[in-house]
Amino acid sequence: MDNRAIGFFDSGLGGLTCIPHLLREFPHERVVYFGDTARTPYGSKDPSTIRKFAAEMADFLIEEKNVKMVVIACNTVSAVALEYLRDRHPATPFLGIVSPASHAAAKTCTPENRIGVIGTKATIQSGAYNKKVTGLAPSLKVYSMACPALVPLIEEGIVDSDIMDMTIEHYMKPFVSANEIDTLVLGCTHYPFIRRNIERLYPQLRIIDPSEEILLSVADALDRHGLQAGEGGTDHVFYASDLSENFVNIINIIFSEAQHPIKFDVLDLESHPVRKERKERTL
């Protein structure tokens, strides 16, 4: 048994979509999460910058919070920096989010399906999903499209609005029609926040959500490395480089029925280890 926390990080609040699935399946596991909300979005940044930012978060989680494994809850970082981080911290299991969703697409689709992947510019330009899916199942057809305006809107909490629907249709309408898409991979952990919008606008699409698919990888890693937690404390800590109201509100929704102590910390990685501010709440 290993009661250390599982580390999660993302460019912002998108990776929070993984947490409810994890806690339902593994109620005894603790979470330490870092969202780089001050520097989001990552998708338009240079790969070298993405690797630098990702290394800062991984170093913090491993060296200072002593997490037992790290889940990269960000498609952009998973596509650009996964192997770099594994080389940097060879003793710590790192799980990317691209591979589980790619396996789900390869396993459940046939050559008659037409798979669409939407994501950030960096994720799409990396070709990570196309390479992974067709590497597993060469006969499958995969089409990709970058949707750079979606993450900033989601980070601002603009979800249930005509603005979001129009932005989704701006990208999706020509993409789905031209490529006859029937299966859609949400290639960004922010996108589950707008899954209901997409399903309402395009009810014919089957959705593959990496935030759900990552659970199989987590379960395998916990078992393979003997890292399962025993019964004990279930306190969770959420760090952000800019503790926005939207970030806190989403965490409150995730833990709305919980009785665990939830800690929020603002942490400026560029001036670390000095912390600017600290907040603590018990839900």
Protein backbone atom coordinates (compact mmCIF):
# COMPACT_ATOMS: atom_id res chain seq x y z
CA MET A 1 0.00 0.00 0.00
CA ASP A 2 1.15 3.53 -0.80
CA ASN A 3 -0.88 6.40 0.67
CA ARG A 4 1.03 9.11 -1.14
CA ALA A 5 -1.08 11.25 -3.47
CA ILE A 6 -1.46 10.90 -7.22
CA GLY A 7 -0.20 14.04 -8.95
CA PHE A 8 -2.20 15.64 -11.75
CA PHE A 9 -1.30 18.67 -13.77
CA ASP A 10 -2.70 20.66 -16.66
CA SER A 11 -2.23 23.99 -18.38
CA GLY A 12 -5.33 25.22 -16.55
CA LEU A 13 -8.60 23.89 -15.21
CA GLY A 14 -9.27 21.34 -17.97
CA GLY A 15 -7.53 18.50 -16.16
CA LEU A 16 -10.09 18.80 -13.37
CA THR A 17 -12.44 16.81 -15.64
CA CYS A 18 -10.39 13.70 -14.83
CA ILE A 19 -10.84 13.97 -11.07
CA PRO A 20 -14.49 12.89 -10.62
CA HIS A 21 -13.88 9.71 -12.65
CA LEU A 22 -10.79 8.90 -10.57
CA LEU A 23 -12.46 9.42 -7.21
CA ARG A 24 -15.48 7.31 -8.12
CA GLU A 25 -13.25 4.37 -9.07
CA PHE A 26 -10.55 4.88 -6.43
CA PRO A 27 -12.18 6.56 -3.40
CA HIS A 28 -9.15 6.01 -1.15
CA GLU A 29 -6.69 7.78 -3.44
CA ARG A 30 -5.57 11.33 -2.70
CA VAL A 31 -5.03 13.98 -5.35
CA VAL A 32 -2.52 16.80 -5.62
CA TYR A 33 -3.39 18.89 -8.67
CA PHE A 34 -1.58 21.78 -10.31
CA GLY A 35 -3.26 24.00 -12.90
CA ASP A 36 -1.04 26.56 -14.61
CA THR A 37 -3.93 28.99 -14.94
CA ALA A 38 -1.68 32.05 -15.12
CA ARG A 39 0.05 30.82 -18.28
CA THR A 40 -2.81 29.04 -20.02
CA PRO A 41 -3.42 28.24 -22.84
CA TYR A 42 -0.46 26.05 -23.79
CA GLY A 43 -1.77 25.03 -27.19
CA SER A 44 -0.43 28.06 -29.05
CA LYS A 45 3.02 27.97 -27.41
CA ASP A 46 6.30 26.63 -28.80
CA PRO A 47 7.07 22.98 -27.86
CA SER A 48 10.21 24.03 -25.98
CA THR A 49 8.15 26.41 -23.84
CA ILE A 50 5.56 23.70 -23.19
CA ARG A 51 8.29 21.29 -22.05
CA LYS A 52 9.78 23.96 -19.75
CA PHE A 53 6.43 24.71 -18.10
CA ALA A 54 5.59 21.01 -17.81
CA ALA A 55 8.95 20.27 -16.19
CA GLU A 56 8.34 22.97 -13.57
CA MET A 57 5.01 21.41 -12.60
CA ALA A 58 6.35 17.84 -12.61
CA ASP A 59 9.38 18.85 -10.52
CA PHE A 60 7.11 20.50 -7.97
CA LEU A 61 4.76 17.51 -7.68
CA ILE A 62 7.55 14.94 -7.40
CA GLU A 63 10.28 16.74 -5.48
CA GLU A 64 8.15 18.79 -3.10
CA LYS A 65 4.82 16.99 -2.84
CA ASN A 66 6.29 13.46 -3.10
CA VAL A 67 3.52 12.13 -5.34
CA LYS A 68 3.68 8.44 -6.23
CA MET A 69 2.77 8.90 -9.89
CA VAL A 70 1.93 11.73 -12.26
CA VAL A 71 -1.03 11.95 -14.61
CA ILE A 72 -0.51 14.51 -17.36
CA ALA A 73 -4.11 15.68 -17.56
CA CYS A 74 -3.34 17.76 -20.63
CA ASN A 75 -3.36 16.56 -24.23
CA THR A 76 -0.93 19.24 -25.33
CA VAL A 77 1.72 18.26 -22.77
CA SER A 78 1.07 14.56 -23.34
CA ALA A 79 1.63 15.04 -27.06
CA VAL A 80 4.73 17.23 -26.75
CA ALA A 81 6.52 16.39 -23.48
CA LEU A 82 5.62 12.92 -22.16
CA GLU A 83 8.89 11.18 -23.03
CA TYR A 84 10.89 14.24 -21.95
CA LEU A 85 9.29 14.08 -18.50
CA ARG A 86 9.78 10.33 -18.22
CA ASP A 87 13.47 10.80 -18.95
CA ARG A 88 13.66 13.64 -16.42
CA HIS A 89 12.05 11.55 -13.64
CA PRO A 90 12.72 7.89 -14.51
CA ALA A 91 11.71 6.60 -11.06
CA THR A 92 8.18 8.03 -11.23
CA PRO A 93 5.40 6.56 -13.41
CA PHE A 94 4.06 9.16 -15.85
CA LEU A 95 0.75 8.64 -17.63
CA GLY A 96 -0.19 10.65 -20.71
CA ILE A 97 -3.77 11.11 -21.78
CA VAL A 98 -3.34 10.64 -25.55
CA SER A 99 -2.58 6.92 -25.49
CA PRO A 100 -5.69 5.72 -23.58
CA ALA A 101 -8.07 7.62 -25.87
CA SER A 102 -6.21 6.39 -28.94
CA HIS A 103 -6.53 2.80 -27.75
CA ALA A 104 -10.26 3.34 -27.19
CA ALA A 105 -10.69 4.66 -30.74
CA ALA A 106 -8.63 1.84 -32.25
CA LYS A 107 -10.50 -0.80 -30.27
CA THR A 108 -14.04 0.41 -30.90
CA CYS A 109 -13.87 1.74 -34.48
CA THR A 110 -13.88 -0.08 -37.81
CA PRO A 111 -12.59 1.01 -41.24
CA GLU A 112 -16.12 2.23 -41.98
CA ASN A 113 -15.88 4.81 -39.18
CA ARG A 114 -14.47 8.26 -39.73
CA ILE A 115 -12.72 9.54 -36.60
CA GLY A 116 -12.36 13.24 -35.86
CA VAL A 117 -9.94 14.68 -33.30
CA ILE A 118 -10.30 18.23 -32.02
CA GLY A 119 -7.64 19.84 -29.85
CA THR A 120 -5.21 22.71 -29.42
CA LYS A 121 -2.84 23.81 -32.17
CA ALA A 122 0.12 22.11 -30.48
CA THR A 123 -1.72 18.80 -30.04
CA ILE A 124 -2.99 18.74 -33.62
CA GLN A 125 0.34 19.85 -35.11
CA SER A 126 2.12 17.08 -33.22
CA GLY A 127 0.00 14.48 -35.03
CA ALA A 128 0.01 12.45 -31.81
CA TYR A 129 -3.51 11.08 -32.13
CA ASN A 130 -3.23 10.30 -35.84
CA LYS A 131 0.06 8.47 -35.31
CA LYS A 132 -1.13 6.54 -32.28
CA VAL A 133 -4.51 5.48 -33.66
CA THR A 134 -3.25 4.46 -37.09
CA GLY A 135 -0.25 2.77 -35.49
CA LEU A 136 -2.66 0.56 -33.58
CA ALA A 137 -5.14 0.14 -36.45
CA PRO A 138 -3.68 1.19 -39.84
CA SER A 139 -6.99 0.84 -41.66
CA LEU A 140 -8.72 3.56 -39.61
CA LYS A 141 -9.31 7.06 -40.99
CA VAL A 142 -8.42 9.91 -38.64
CA TYR A 143 -9.02 13.61 -39.30
CA SER A 144 -7.80 16.39 -37.01
CA MET A 145 -8.66 20.02 -36.45
CA ALA A 146 -7.30 22.67 -34.10
CA CYS A 147 -9.88 24.74 -32.20
CA PRO A 148 -7.77 27.43 -30.51
CA ALA A 149 -10.61 29.66 -29.30
CA LEU A 150 -12.32 27.00 -27.16
CA VAL A 151 -9.88 26.78 -24.23
CA PRO A 152 -9.82 30.54 -23.46
CA LEU A 153 -13.64 30.62 -23.46
CA ILE A 154 -13.83 27.60 -21.15
CA GLU A 155 -11.22 29.08 -18.81
CA GLU A 156 -13.41 32.18 -18.58
CA GLY A 157 -16.47 30.08 -17.76
CA ILE A 158 -18.24 30.90 -21.03
CA VAL A 159 -19.85 27.49 -21.56
CA ASP A 160 -23.65 27.63 -21.45
CA SER A 161 -23.96 30.46 -23.93
CA ASP A 162 -24.69 31.29 -27.54
CA ILE A 163 -21.09 32.47 -27.87
CA MET A 164 -19.81 28.98 -27.09
CA ASP A 165 -22.32 27.30 -29.41
CA MET A 166 -21.38 29.62 -32.27
CA THR A 167 -17.67 29.00 -31.67
CA ILE A 168 -18.18 25.22 -31.66
CA GLU A 169 -20.14 25.42 -34.91
CA HIS A 170 -17.52 27.70 -36.45
CA TYR A 171 -15.02 24.87 -36.14
CA MET A 172 -17.17 21.77 -36.18
CA LYS A 173 -19.71 22.41 -38.94
CA PRO A 174 -17.28 22.36 -41.89
CA PHE A 175 -15.05 19.74 -40.22
CA VAL A 176 -17.83 17.21 -39.57
CA SER A 177 -19.51 17.78 -42.92
CA ALA A 178 -16.43 17.68 -45.15
CA ASN A 179 -14.97 14.56 -43.51
CA GLU A 180 -18.26 12.79 -42.67
CA ILE A 181 -17.14 12.41 -39.06
CA ASP A 182 -19.10 9.91 -36.95
CA THR A 183 -16.73 9.48 -33.98
CA LEU A 184 -15.20 12.44 -32.16
CA VAL A 185 -12.22 12.37 -29.81
CA LEU A 186 -12.17 15.27 -27.36
CA GLY A 187 -8.45 15.87 -27.71
CA CYS A 188 -8.26 18.41 -24.88
CA THR A 189 -9.23 17.88 -21.24
CA HIS A 190 -11.06 21.22 -21.30
CA TYR A 191 -13.55 19.91 -23.85
CA PRO A 192 -15.63 17.71 -21.50
CA PHE A 193 -16.90 21.01 -20.09
CA ILE A 194 -18.59 21.58 -23.48
CA ARG A 195 -19.48 17.96 -24.20
CA ARG A 196 -23.18 18.66 -23.68
CA ASN A 197 -22.98 21.53 -26.17
CA ILE A 198 -21.38 19.26 -28.77
CA GLU A 199 -23.87 16.45 -28.17
CA ARG A 200 -26.78 18.85 -28.50
CA LEU A 201 -25.43 20.39 -31.72
CA TYR A 202 -24.18 17.09 -33.22
CA PRO A 203 -26.25 14.26 -31.69
CA GLN A 204 -25.09 11.82 -34.35
CA LEU A 205 -21.51 11.80 -33.08
CA ARG A 206 -20.10 9.15 -30.75
CA ILE A 207 -17.82 10.84 -28.24
CA ILE A 208 -14.53 9.45 -26.91
CA ASP A 209 -13.45 11.34 -23.79
CA PRO A 210 -9.79 10.92 -22.74
CA SER A 211 -10.69 12.14 -19.23
CA GLU A 212 -12.65 8.90 -18.79
CA GLU A 213 -10.30 6.60 -20.72
CA ILE A 214 -7.29 7.53 -18.56
CA LEU A 215 -8.78 5.49 -15.70
CA LEU A 216 -7.68 2.21 -17.27
CA SER A 217 -4.10 3.46 -17.37
CA VAL A 218 -4.28 4.66 -13.77
CA ALA A 219 -5.64 1.29 -12.60
CA ASP A 220 -2.93 -0.58 -14.49
CA ALA A 221 -0.14 1.63 -13.12
CA LEU A 222 -1.38 1.39 -9.53
CA ASP A 223 -1.51 -2.40 -9.79
CA ARG A 224 1.73 -2.87 -11.73
CA HIS A 225 3.79 -0.69 -9.39
CA GLY A 226 2.00 -1.71 -6.17
CA LEU A 227 0.88 1.84 -5.47
CA GLN A 228 -2.72 1.33 -4.34
CA ALA A 229 -3.70 3.39 -1.31
CA GLY A 230 -5.14 1.84 1.82
CA GLU A 231 -7.99 3.35 3.78
CA GLY A 232 -7.02 6.57 5.43
CA GLY A 233 -7.02 10.29 4.90
CA THR A 234 -8.65 11.63 1.78
CA ASP A 235 -7.51 15.25 1.82
CA HIS A 236 -6.88 16.74 -1.61
CA VAL A 237 -4.80 19.78 -2.53
CA PHE A 238 -5.32 21.95 -5.61
CA TYR A 239 -2.62 24.39 -6.68
CA ALA A 240 -2.97 27.07 -9.31
CA SER A 241 -0.62 29.71 -10.61
CA ASP A 242 -3.63 32.05 -10.60
CA LEU A 243 -6.44 30.99 -8.28
CA SER A 244 -9.41 32.20 -10.31
CA GLU A 245 -12.99 32.10 -9.09
CA ASN A 246 -13.86 29.73 -11.93
CA PHE A 247 -11.13 27.28 -10.85
CA VAL A 248 -12.40 27.24 -7.25
CA ASN A 249 -16.05 26.95 -8.34
CA ILE A 250 -15.35 23.88 -10.47
CA ILE A 251 -13.56 22.16 -7.58
CA ASN A 252 -16.48 22.98 -5.31
CA ILE A 253 -18.81 21.32 -7.82
CA ILE A 254 -16.59 18.22 -8.01
CA PHE A 255 -16.61 17.87 -4.21
CA SER A 256 -20.16 19.09 -3.63
CA GLU A 257 -21.14 15.91 -1.79
CA ALA A 258 -17.82 15.26 -0.09
CA GLN A 259 -16.75 15.90 3.50
CA HIS A 260 -13.01 16.00 2.86
CA PRO A 261 -10.74 18.94 3.65
CA ILE A 262 -9.89 20.68 0.38
CA LYS A 263 -6.88 22.96 0.27
CA PHE A 264 -6.28 25.66 -2.34
CA ASP A 265 -2.85 27.19 -2.84
CA VAL A 266 -1.65 29.87 -5.21
CA LEU A 267 1.85 29.03 -6.35
CA ASP A 268 3.91 31.14 -8.74
CA LEU A 269 6.30 28.62 -10.26
CA GLU A 270 8.51 31.33 -11.70
CA SER A 271 9.27 32.73 -8.24
CA HIS A 272 8.95 29.47 -6.31
CA PRO A 273 9.43 28.50 -3.47
CA VAL A 274 7.85 31.75 -2.21
CA ARG A 275 4.06 31.35 -2.21
CA LYS A 276 2.01 34.46 -2.74
CA GLU A 277 -1.19 33.44 -1.05
CA ARG A 278 -2.92 30.49 0.62
CA LYS A 279 -6.55 29.56 1.08
CA GLU A 280 -8.01 26.56 2.86
CA ARG A 281 -11.58 25.34 2.86
CA THR A 282 -13.43 22.36 4.24
CA LEU A 283 -16.42 21.20 2.24
